[in-house]
Amino acid sequence: MRFSLFVLLSLFLVGPIPTSAGEEASLIIKNANIVTMDQQHRIVRKGVLVVKDTEIAAIGEAALADQYSAPKVIDAGGNILMPGMISLHNHTPMVAFRGMGEYAVANILFDVMFPLEKELLNRELIYVAARHAAMELALGGVTLVTDMYYHEDEVARGTKEVGIRGVLGESVIGFPVVDAPDPYGGLAYAEDFIKAYKDDPLIIPAVAPHAPYTVSPEKLREARALSEKHGVPLLMHMAEFPNEKELIQERFQSMEDGETIIQYLDRVGVLAPNLVAAHVIYADEGDIQILKERGVGVGHNPKSNTKYNMGLAPAWKMYRQGLGIGLGTDGPMSSNQLDIFNVIPFTARIARLRYQDPTAFTPLELVDLATMGGARALDMEDKIGSLEVGKLADMIILDLSAPHMQPNYDVYATIAHSAYPSDVVTTIVNGALVVEDRRLVNVDMEKHQEEWGRVTQRVAEFRKTLAVEPQH
C-alpha cells in the first residue's frame, strides 16, 4: 500500500515516466493540411511531417506520428503547412531608405538612390539593414532571399542571424562604390566572399554584375568565368529599361544593329544555366527562346516594374514556355513590401491586363511561381521549393482562422488571393525554427532596435538635404 502511494505521488510530482516511442527525429508537425507542391501536387489532410536535422524525413497521414519521437512537436491545428516562399530579387540593405523618393522624382536612381548610397553606405548600415530586412522576410514566410548589393559579407551576417537562407550576390559595377574604390573591384571582393561562404549551410555566395549598361562585355565575361570557376550563381539585372540598348551603346559601343538586349548578352557570352536574370521586361518571342535554350532563370518583379512605369514583363509567356521563373520584389525602395504574398495576386492581375486573358496564371500556377518556380530558376529544385522526403526542411505554417482566410474551398486560391504575410504563424529554415507563434526566434530585439535607430537617424538627417524630399 505504501509503495502504491509512493508511485502515485511520484507521478503527480514529476509526471508520467517517459518511454521510447519510435524512431528519433528533430521535429514533428502534426494535424496539418500539407500542401506539398510536389509534381503530383499532393495535399495531405490532417497530415504529419517529420524533420531529421535539416531534411524532411517523412510525410504521411495522422498515424505516421506514432512512428517517431522528437523533442519538439508542433500541432498545426488544421492550418496550412507549405514550402517557404522564395524571393528571387532584392537589395535588402536598401530597407534603410524605404519610403524615400515617393513624390515627384524625375529619376529615382540619380536624384535619390545614388546620393543616398554615396553619402551613407558603410558596413554598419548594410549589416543592420540586411538583418532588419531578413526579419521582415522571415515573418512574411520567405525562407530564401536572392540579393544583390555591396559588402555582401555583411548582408550574409545579418541574414544568418535571423536564420533564413540567402543566395547573395556581390555587386560588380563599372565605377567606384563603397566596397570597391576601383571600377569592377567587386570581382575581387566577390571571390573573397565566395571563398568565405562557399560551404555555409544557409548562405550561397554569388557573383552579381549589375547590368549590361554598367558593366562592359569583357567584365561580364569575367564575372561569368568567376561564377563557373567556383560553381556559384550569377545574378544580373536584364532588359529592365526601354532605353537600355542606347545606354549600352553610349557607354561601350558594343551593340550591333538590330540586336535585342538578350541577343547581345548571348553574343558576348554571358547567358548560362547558373544565371538568374532580374526583370526581363523587354523580351520578344525569340529572346524567350534564347533564354530557355541557355537555361537562364528569371526573377519576375511586377510591383517594382509598374511602380516606376518600366513596363509589363512577358512573365506568363515565359512560364507557359517552360522557363525557370519565380517571383521577387526588387529593393525596398522599389517595392516597399518585401514579402511574396503581396506579389502573388499582383502577378496574375498584371498578366491578365497585358494579355487581356482572365485565365492567365491559375491559383496553382501562382503558388508554384512562389515556391518551385524560384527553386527551378536557381537550379535548386532538388533541394527546396516543395515538401518532399530528402529535401531541405524549409517550410511555413499559415493560419486559416482569420475571417479573410475563410471559406477555404480551394487551398491554392486561398494562398494566392487571400493570404497576407501576417498569416504566417511559423517559419522553419534548414529544419530550425526561425519564427514561432509569429515571433522571431533568433533576434535580440532590444539590441536590434538600438542599432536600427542609429542607422535610421543618420538617414533621416541626410534626407533633409535632398531637394526632392518634402519636409512635413
Protein backbone atom coordinates (compact mmCIF):
# COMPACT_ATOMS: atom_id res chain seq x y z
CA MET A 1 0.00 0.00 0.00
CA ARG A 2 2.80 2.40 0.89
CA PHE A 3 4.58 1.53 -2.37
CA SER A 4 1.45 2.31 -4.41
CA LEU A 5 1.00 5.65 -2.69
CA PHE A 6 4.66 6.45 -3.33
CA VAL A 7 4.32 5.68 -7.06
CA LEU A 8 1.14 7.77 -7.34
CA LEU A 9 2.77 10.66 -5.52
CA SER A 10 5.84 10.45 -7.79
CA LEU A 11 3.71 10.52 -10.91
CA PHE A 12 1.82 13.52 -9.58
CA LEU A 13 5.02 15.43 -8.85
CA VAL A 14 7.15 14.61 -11.91
CA GLY A 15 4.62 13.39 -14.46
CA PRO A 16 4.49 10.06 -16.30
CA ILE A 17 7.74 8.22 -16.81
CA PRO A 18 8.87 8.77 -20.45
CA THR A 19 9.03 5.80 -22.74
CA SER A 20 10.73 5.43 -26.11
CA ALA A 21 8.18 5.88 -28.88
CA GLY A 22 9.53 5.16 -32.28
CA GLU A 23 12.35 6.45 -34.41
CA GLU A 24 14.09 9.62 -33.28
CA ALA A 25 13.52 12.85 -35.20
CA SER A 26 14.27 16.54 -34.66
CA LEU A 27 10.79 17.95 -35.22
CA ILE A 28 7.30 16.61 -35.82
CA ILE A 29 4.48 18.71 -37.26
CA LYS A 30 1.08 17.06 -36.95
CA ASN A 31 -2.55 17.89 -37.74
CA ALA A 32 -1.53 19.98 -40.77
CA ASN A 33 -3.11 20.45 -44.16
CA ILE A 34 0.10 19.79 -46.07
CA VAL A 35 0.37 21.48 -49.47
CA THR A 36 3.40 19.65 -50.84
CA MET A 37 3.85 21.41 -54.24
CA ASP A 38 5.43 18.18 -55.50
CA GLN A 39 4.94 17.04 -59.10
CA GLN A 40 1.62 15.41 -58.24
CA HIS A 41 0.53 18.44 -56.20
CA ARG A 42 -0.42 16.18 -53.32
CA ILE A 43 -2.37 17.63 -50.42
CA VAL A 44 -2.30 15.60 -47.19
CA ARG A 45 -5.27 16.42 -44.95
CA LYS A 46 -4.58 16.35 -41.20
CA GLY A 47 -1.12 15.14 -42.14
CA VAL A 48 2.20 14.70 -40.38
CA LEU A 49 5.63 15.89 -41.48
CA VAL A 50 8.80 14.67 -39.80
CA VAL A 51 12.13 16.51 -39.83
CA LYS A 52 15.52 14.96 -39.07
CA ASP A 53 18.23 17.56 -38.64
CA THR A 54 17.99 19.72 -41.79
CA GLU A 55 15.88 17.45 -44.03
CA ILE A 56 12.34 16.18 -44.38
CA ALA A 57 12.34 12.55 -43.27
CA ALA A 58 8.71 11.54 -43.75
CA ILE A 59 5.29 12.86 -44.80
CA GLY A 60 2.07 10.99 -44.23
CA GLU A 61 -1.28 10.73 -42.55
CA ALA A 62 -2.02 11.06 -38.84
CA ALA A 63 -0.78 7.57 -37.87
CA LEU A 64 2.75 8.49 -39.01
CA ALA A 65 3.24 10.50 -35.80
CA ASP A 66 3.21 7.29 -33.74
CA GLN A 67 6.30 6.01 -35.57
CA TYR A 68 8.55 8.89 -34.42
CA SER A 69 9.54 10.80 -31.32
CA ALA A 70 11.05 14.29 -31.27
CA PRO A 71 11.99 16.94 -28.70
CA LYS A 72 9.71 19.40 -30.50
CA VAL A 73 6.18 18.59 -31.69
CA ILE A 74 4.03 21.26 -33.33
CA ASP A 75 0.29 20.80 -33.57
CA ALA A 76 -0.64 22.82 -36.66
CA GLY A 77 -4.29 22.85 -35.66
CA GLY A 78 -5.51 22.10 -39.18
CA ASN A 79 -3.65 25.07 -40.66
CA ILE A 80 -1.74 25.05 -43.95
CA LEU A 81 1.81 23.65 -43.97
CA MET A 82 3.56 24.52 -47.23
CA PRO A 83 7.02 25.23 -48.68
CA GLY A 84 8.56 28.56 -47.77
CA MET A 85 8.38 31.42 -50.25
CA ILE A 86 11.43 32.05 -52.47
CA SER A 87 12.25 35.67 -53.33
CA LEU A 88 14.35 35.87 -56.48
CA HIS A 89 15.45 39.51 -56.44
CA ASN A 90 16.18 42.09 -53.75
CA HIS A 91 18.63 44.67 -52.45
CA THR A 92 17.86 44.10 -48.78
CA PRO A 93 20.05 46.80 -47.13
CA MET A 94 18.07 49.46 -49.02
CA VAL A 95 15.33 48.92 -46.45
CA ALA A 96 17.08 51.74 -44.58
CA PHE A 97 15.94 54.06 -47.39
CA ARG A 98 12.39 52.74 -47.69
CA GLY A 99 9.76 55.45 -48.20
CA MET A 100 12.11 57.93 -49.86
CA GLY A 101 11.70 59.11 -53.44
CA GLU A 102 7.94 58.63 -53.27
CA TYR A 103 6.96 62.04 -54.60
CA ALA A 104 7.56 63.76 -57.96
CA VAL A 105 11.07 62.49 -58.70
CA ALA A 106 12.32 62.70 -62.27
CA ASN A 107 14.91 59.94 -61.84
CA ILE A 108 14.84 57.86 -58.67
CA LEU A 109 18.33 56.49 -59.33
CA PHE A 110 20.14 59.79 -59.83
CA ASP A 111 18.00 62.07 -57.65
CA VAL A 112 17.67 59.87 -54.58
CA MET A 113 19.31 56.45 -54.64
CA PHE A 114 22.83 57.29 -55.79
CA PRO A 115 23.18 60.32 -53.43
CA LEU A 116 21.97 58.19 -50.52
CA GLU A 117 24.37 55.37 -51.28
CA LYS A 118 27.33 57.69 -51.89
CA GLU A 119 26.86 59.53 -48.62
CA LEU A 120 25.54 56.92 -46.21
CA LEU A 121 26.60 53.40 -47.13
CA ASN A 122 29.01 51.69 -44.77
CA ARG A 123 29.39 48.28 -43.20
CA GLU A 124 27.22 49.07 -40.19
CA LEU A 125 24.23 50.28 -42.25
CA ILE A 126 24.44 47.33 -44.63
CA TYR A 127 24.65 44.78 -41.81
CA VAL A 128 21.90 46.21 -39.62
CA ALA A 129 19.58 46.94 -42.53
CA ALA A 130 20.10 43.46 -44.00
CA ARG A 131 19.15 41.96 -40.64
CA HIS A 132 16.07 44.18 -40.49
CA ALA A 133 15.01 43.09 -43.97
CA ALA A 134 15.62 39.43 -43.13
CA MET A 135 13.36 39.83 -40.11
CA GLU A 136 10.55 41.12 -42.31
CA LEU A 137 11.15 38.35 -44.83
CA ALA A 138 11.05 35.62 -42.18
CA LEU A 139 7.89 36.98 -40.58
CA GLY A 140 6.31 37.08 -44.05
CA GLY A 141 7.13 33.46 -44.87
CA VAL A 142 10.17 33.96 -47.13
CA THR A 143 12.69 31.21 -46.42
CA LEU A 144 15.19 32.14 -49.18
CA VAL A 145 16.06 35.60 -50.48
CA THR A 146 18.19 36.33 -53.53
CA ASP A 147 20.12 39.57 -53.05
CA MET A 148 22.49 41.87 -54.91
CA TYR A 149 24.37 44.63 -53.10
CA TYR A 150 27.70 45.80 -51.68
CA HIS A 151 29.64 44.39 -48.71
CA GLU A 152 27.63 41.24 -49.25
CA ASP A 153 29.51 39.57 -46.42
CA GLU A 154 27.69 41.96 -44.09
CA VAL A 155 24.40 41.04 -45.78
CA ALA A 156 25.29 37.41 -45.10
CA ARG A 157 25.97 38.18 -41.44
CA GLY A 158 22.61 39.87 -40.95
CA THR A 159 20.71 37.23 -42.90
CA LYS A 160 22.27 34.36 -40.95
CA GLU A 161 21.48 36.00 -37.60
CA VAL A 162 17.79 35.88 -38.44
CA GLY A 163 18.17 32.34 -39.78
CA ILE A 164 16.82 32.44 -43.33
CA ARG A 165 18.56 31.16 -46.43
CA GLY A 166 20.28 33.59 -48.83
CA VAL A 167 21.64 33.50 -52.38
CA LEU A 168 23.74 36.62 -52.00
CA GLY A 169 25.49 38.27 -54.92
CA GLU A 170 28.41 40.66 -54.50
CA SER A 171 27.87 43.52 -56.97
CA VAL A 172 30.27 44.18 -59.81
CA ILE A 173 29.91 47.62 -61.39
CA GLY A 174 31.97 49.90 -63.60
CA PHE A 175 32.53 52.78 -61.18
CA PRO A 176 33.83 53.20 -57.61
CA VAL A 177 31.42 52.13 -54.86
CA VAL A 178 31.52 51.74 -51.10
CA ASP A 179 33.31 48.38 -51.06
CA ALA A 180 35.43 48.79 -54.19
CA PRO A 181 37.33 52.07 -54.79
CA ASP A 182 38.29 50.95 -58.27
CA PRO A 183 35.83 50.20 -61.09
CA TYR A 184 34.98 46.47 -61.19
CA GLY A 185 36.66 45.94 -57.84
CA GLY A 186 33.64 43.84 -56.96
CA LEU A 187 35.18 40.93 -58.89
CA ALA A 188 37.99 40.52 -56.37
CA TYR A 189 35.63 41.19 -53.47
CA ALA A 190 33.24 38.57 -54.83
CA GLU A 191 35.96 35.93 -54.97
CA ASP A 192 36.90 36.55 -51.35
CA PHE A 193 33.23 36.42 -50.36
CA ILE A 194 32.74 33.14 -52.23
CA LYS A 195 35.71 31.55 -50.50
CA ALA A 196 34.47 32.68 -47.09
CA TYR A 197 30.93 31.33 -47.52
CA LYS A 198 31.24 28.51 -50.04
CA ASP A 199 30.31 25.78 -47.56
CA ASP A 200 27.90 27.71 -45.37
CA PRO A 201 24.64 25.84 -44.58
CA LEU A 202 22.47 28.93 -45.15
CA ILE A 203 24.40 31.26 -47.45
CA ILE A 204 25.06 30.59 -51.13
CA PRO A 205 27.53 33.24 -52.36
CA ALA A 206 27.13 34.57 -55.89
CA VAL A 207 28.64 36.99 -58.40
CA ALA A 208 26.38 39.88 -59.40
CA PRO A 209 27.42 42.01 -62.40
CA HIS A 210 24.99 44.89 -62.01
CA ALA A 211 23.60 45.29 -65.52
CA PRO A 212 24.71 45.28 -69.18
CA TYR A 213 24.66 49.12 -69.21
CA THR A 214 27.01 49.42 -66.18
CA VAL A 215 29.36 46.51 -66.89
CA SER A 216 31.44 46.14 -70.06
CA PRO A 217 31.24 42.99 -72.20
CA GLU A 218 34.72 41.98 -71.10
CA LYS A 219 33.87 42.28 -67.40
CA LEU A 220 30.57 40.47 -67.92
CA ARG A 221 32.56 37.54 -69.28
CA GLU A 222 34.97 37.75 -66.33
CA ALA A 223 32.03 37.64 -63.93
CA ARG A 224 30.61 34.57 -65.64
CA ALA A 225 34.02 32.90 -65.60
CA LEU A 226 34.39 33.62 -61.88
CA SER A 227 30.97 32.10 -61.13
CA GLU A 228 31.80 28.98 -63.14
CA LYS A 229 35.23 28.67 -61.53
CA HIS A 230 33.62 28.39 -58.11
CA GLY A 231 30.33 26.78 -59.14
CA VAL A 232 28.13 29.59 -57.78
CA PRO A 233 25.17 31.54 -59.21
CA LEU A 234 25.43 34.58 -61.45
CA LEU A 235 22.90 37.37 -60.81
CA MET A 236 22.15 40.38 -63.03
CA HIS A 237 19.54 43.00 -63.93
CA MET A 238 18.49 42.43 -67.54
CA ALA A 239 16.27 44.11 -70.14
CA GLU A 240 14.75 46.35 -67.48
CA PHE A 241 14.64 49.77 -69.16
CA PRO A 242 13.15 50.82 -72.51
CA ASN A 243 16.33 52.75 -73.34
CA GLU A 244 18.77 50.07 -72.20
CA LYS A 245 20.19 49.49 -75.69
CA GLU A 246 21.01 53.18 -76.02
CA LEU A 247 22.76 53.19 -72.64
CA ILE A 248 24.91 50.21 -73.61
CA GLN A 249 25.85 51.72 -76.94
CA GLU A 250 26.65 55.09 -75.39
CA ARG A 251 28.96 53.61 -72.78
CA PHE A 252 30.55 50.64 -74.52
CA GLN A 253 29.75 50.90 -78.26
CA SER A 254 29.28 47.15 -78.14
CA MET A 255 25.82 46.52 -79.59
CA GLU A 256 25.18 45.54 -83.19
CA ASP A 257 22.39 46.99 -85.33
CA GLY A 258 19.02 45.43 -84.66
CA GLU A 259 20.14 43.42 -81.64
CA THR A 260 17.92 42.97 -78.62
CA ILE A 261 19.43 43.03 -75.13
CA ILE A 262 19.07 39.26 -74.87
CA GLN A 263 20.70 38.69 -78.26
CA TYR A 264 23.54 40.99 -77.25
CA LEU A 265 24.17 39.17 -73.98
CA ASP A 266 24.03 35.84 -75.76
CA ARG A 267 26.57 37.00 -78.35
CA VAL A 268 29.03 38.32 -75.74
CA GLY A 269 28.82 35.02 -73.86
CA VAL A 270 27.03 35.87 -70.61
CA LEU A 271 23.90 33.73 -70.74
CA ALA A 272 24.36 30.49 -68.81
CA PRO A 273 22.37 27.97 -66.75
CA ASN A 274 23.65 29.46 -63.48
CA LEU A 275 22.38 32.96 -64.40
CA VAL A 276 19.31 34.41 -62.70
CA ALA A 277 18.15 37.50 -64.59
CA ALA A 278 16.06 40.09 -62.78
CA HIS A 279 13.13 41.82 -64.54
CA VAL A 280 13.47 40.80 -68.25
CA ILE A 281 10.69 43.19 -69.23
CA TYR A 282 11.79 43.74 -72.83
CA ALA A 283 11.95 40.27 -74.35
CA ASP A 284 10.26 39.07 -77.52
CA GLU A 285 9.48 35.52 -78.63
CA GLY A 286 13.00 34.98 -79.95
CA ASP A 287 14.51 36.29 -76.72
CA ILE A 288 12.40 33.93 -74.62
CA GLN A 289 13.55 31.01 -76.74
CA ILE A 290 17.20 32.02 -76.27
CA LEU A 291 16.75 32.24 -72.50
CA LYS A 292 15.12 28.82 -72.47
CA GLU A 293 17.87 27.25 -74.58
CA ARG A 294 20.57 28.72 -72.34
CA GLY A 295 18.76 27.62 -69.15
CA VAL A 296 18.60 31.16 -67.72
CA GLY A 297 16.37 31.67 -64.66
CA VAL A 298 14.16 34.75 -64.43
CA GLY A 299 13.13 36.77 -61.38
CA HIS A 300 9.80 38.49 -62.11
CA ASN A 301 9.22 41.73 -60.14
CA PRO A 302 5.83 43.10 -61.24
CA LYS A 303 5.31 45.52 -58.35
CA SER A 304 8.68 47.17 -58.87
CA ASN A 305 8.31 47.22 -62.66
CA THR A 306 4.97 49.00 -62.53
CA LYS A 307 5.81 51.40 -59.69
CA TYR A 308 8.28 53.26 -61.89
CA ASN A 309 6.42 52.58 -65.14
CA MET A 310 9.18 50.40 -66.58
CA GLY A 311 6.80 48.09 -68.43
CA LEU A 312 4.97 44.78 -68.21
CA ALA A 313 7.18 41.71 -68.44
CA PRO A 314 6.02 38.70 -70.52
CA ALA A 315 6.03 36.51 -67.40
CA TRP A 316 3.02 34.41 -68.34
CA LYS A 317 4.51 33.59 -71.73
CA MET A 318 7.83 32.66 -70.11
CA TYR A 319 6.08 30.43 -67.59
CA ARG A 320 4.00 28.67 -70.24
CA GLN A 321 7.08 28.05 -72.36
CA GLY A 322 8.83 26.30 -69.50
CA LEU A 323 11.41 28.83 -68.32
CA GLY A 324 12.58 28.67 -64.73
CA ILE A 325 10.75 31.75 -63.49
CA GLY A 326 9.84 32.85 -59.99
CA LEU A 327 8.90 35.97 -58.07
CA GLY A 328 10.84 38.80 -56.48
CA THR A 329 10.18 42.23 -55.04
CA ASP A 330 13.28 44.20 -56.03
CA GLY A 331 14.68 46.52 -53.40
CA PRO A 332 12.64 48.12 -50.60
CA MET A 333 12.60 51.49 -52.40
CA SER A 334 11.09 49.90 -55.50
CA SER A 335 8.59 47.58 -53.90
CA ASN A 336 8.46 48.75 -50.25
CA GLN A 337 6.94 45.46 -49.05
CA LEU A 338 9.40 42.56 -49.06
CA ASP A 339 7.01 39.63 -48.71
CA ILE A 340 5.96 37.47 -51.66
CA PHE A 341 2.29 37.13 -50.64
CA ASN A 342 1.63 40.65 -51.90
CA VAL A 343 3.38 39.88 -55.20
CA ILE A 344 1.43 36.68 -55.96
CA PRO A 345 -2.02 38.13 -56.77
CA PHE A 346 -0.47 41.21 -58.41
CA THR A 347 1.36 38.89 -60.81
CA ALA A 348 -1.94 37.48 -62.06
CA ARG A 349 -3.59 40.89 -62.41
CA ILE A 350 -0.72 42.31 -64.45
CA ALA A 351 -0.58 39.26 -66.73
CA ARG A 352 -4.33 39.36 -67.32
CA LEU A 353 -4.18 43.05 -68.23
CA ARG A 354 -1.23 42.58 -70.55
CA TYR A 355 -2.66 39.59 -72.38
CA GLN A 356 -6.34 40.51 -71.98
CA ASP A 357 -6.91 36.98 -70.72
CA PRO A 358 -8.68 36.35 -67.40
CA THR A 359 -7.25 32.82 -67.27
CA ALA A 360 -3.59 33.92 -67.09
CA PHE A 361 -2.00 32.25 -64.05
CA THR A 362 -4.29 29.91 -62.19
CA PRO A 363 -4.03 29.86 -58.37
CA LEU A 364 -1.98 26.66 -58.53
CA GLU A 365 0.40 28.23 -61.05
CA LEU A 366 0.80 31.30 -58.83
CA VAL A 367 1.71 29.22 -55.78
CA ASP A 368 4.09 27.24 -58.00
CA LEU A 369 5.79 30.51 -59.08
CA ALA A 370 6.35 31.50 -55.45
CA THR A 371 7.84 28.15 -54.45
CA MET A 372 9.05 25.66 -57.07
CA GLY A 373 9.36 28.40 -59.70
CA GLY A 374 12.02 30.14 -57.65
CA ALA A 375 13.74 26.82 -56.95
CA ARG A 376 13.86 26.00 -60.68
CA ALA A 377 15.25 29.44 -61.53
CA LEU A 378 18.06 28.86 -59.02
CA ASP A 379 18.66 25.26 -60.15
CA MET A 380 17.78 24.19 -56.62
CA GLU A 381 14.61 22.23 -57.37
CA ASP A 382 16.20 19.08 -55.96
CA LYS A 383 16.74 20.80 -52.59
CA ILE A 384 13.91 23.28 -51.93
CA GLY A 385 10.58 24.53 -53.27
CA SER A 386 8.39 21.58 -52.29
CA LEU A 387 7.78 19.39 -49.27
CA GLU A 388 9.25 16.01 -50.20
CA VAL A 389 11.29 13.42 -48.36
CA GLY A 390 15.01 14.18 -48.70
CA LYS A 391 14.57 17.89 -49.38
CA LEU A 392 15.74 20.62 -47.04
CA ALA A 393 13.19 21.45 -44.35
CA ASP A 394 12.22 24.99 -45.43
CA MET A 395 8.51 25.50 -44.70
CA ILE A 396 5.85 27.76 -43.23
CA ILE A 397 2.54 27.36 -41.44
CA LEU A 398 -0.37 29.65 -42.45
CA ASP A 399 -3.21 30.43 -40.07
CA LEU A 400 -6.63 29.63 -41.50
CA SER A 401 -8.61 31.11 -38.60
CA ALA A 402 -8.77 34.74 -39.79
CA PRO A 403 -12.02 35.82 -41.49
CA HIS A 404 -10.24 36.69 -44.74
CA MET A 405 -8.90 33.11 -44.98
CA GLN A 406 -12.40 31.61 -44.93
CA PRO A 407 -14.08 29.81 -46.51
CA ASN A 408 -11.21 27.67 -47.76
CA TYR A 409 -12.79 25.79 -50.65
CA ASP A 410 -9.58 25.74 -52.73
CA VAL A 411 -6.30 25.91 -50.83
CA TYR A 412 -4.35 27.31 -53.80
CA ALA A 413 -6.87 30.13 -54.27
CA THR A 414 -6.70 30.85 -50.54
CA ILE A 415 -2.90 31.10 -50.63
CA ALA A 416 -2.72 33.03 -53.90
CA HIS A 417 -5.52 35.54 -53.45
CA SER A 418 -6.48 35.74 -49.76
CA ALA A 419 -3.38 35.27 -47.61
CA TYR A 420 -1.42 38.12 -46.06
CA PRO A 421 2.13 37.87 -44.73
CA SER A 422 0.68 38.32 -41.25
CA ASP A 423 -1.00 34.92 -41.61
CA VAL A 424 2.40 33.24 -41.23
CA VAL A 425 2.48 31.61 -37.80
CA THR A 426 5.67 29.57 -38.15
CA THR A 427 8.74 29.76 -40.38
CA ILE A 428 11.24 26.89 -40.46
CA VAL A 429 14.51 27.01 -42.39
CA ASN A 430 17.00 24.16 -42.63
CA GLY A 431 14.98 22.29 -40.03
CA ALA A 432 15.25 25.09 -37.44
CA LEU A 433 12.53 27.40 -36.14
CA VAL A 434 13.03 30.98 -37.29
CA VAL A 435 9.54 32.28 -36.48
CA GLU A 436 7.36 30.65 -33.81
CA ASP A 437 3.89 31.92 -32.90
CA ARG A 438 4.57 34.96 -35.12
CA ARG A 439 7.71 35.89 -33.16
CA LEU A 440 11.30 35.85 -34.32
CA VAL A 441 13.30 33.19 -32.52
CA ASN A 442 16.91 34.26 -33.08
CA VAL A 443 16.90 38.06 -32.85
CA ASP A 444 17.71 40.15 -29.78
CA MET A 445 15.05 42.78 -30.46
CA GLU A 446 16.32 45.29 -27.90
CA LYS A 447 19.81 45.22 -29.41
CA HIS A 448 18.45 45.37 -32.95
CA GLN A 449 16.18 48.35 -32.25
CA GLU A 450 19.07 50.27 -30.72
CA GLU A 451 21.31 49.66 -33.75
CA TRP A 452 18.48 50.21 -36.22
CA GLY A 453 17.66 53.53 -34.54
CA ARG A 454 21.21 54.78 -35.06
CA VAL A 455 21.09 53.86 -38.74
CA THR A 456 17.71 55.44 -39.46
CA GLN A 457 18.59 58.60 -37.55
CA ARG A 458 21.56 59.18 -39.87
CA VAL A 459 19.35 58.58 -42.89
CA ALA A 460 16.68 60.96 -41.55
CA GLU A 461 19.26 63.73 -41.11
CA PHE A 462 20.64 63.30 -44.62
CA ARG A 463 17.11 63.19 -46.06
CA LYS A 464 16.72 66.85 -45.07
CA THR A 465 19.42 67.80 -47.58
CA LEU A 466 17.62 66.22 -50.57
CA ALA A 467 15.61 68.80 -52.50
CA VAL A 468 13.23 66.14 -53.85
CA GLU A 469 12.17 65.03 -50.36
CA PRO A 470 9.33 67.05 -48.81
CA GLN A 471 9.79 68.11 -45.20
CA HIS A 472 6.43 67.69 -43.48
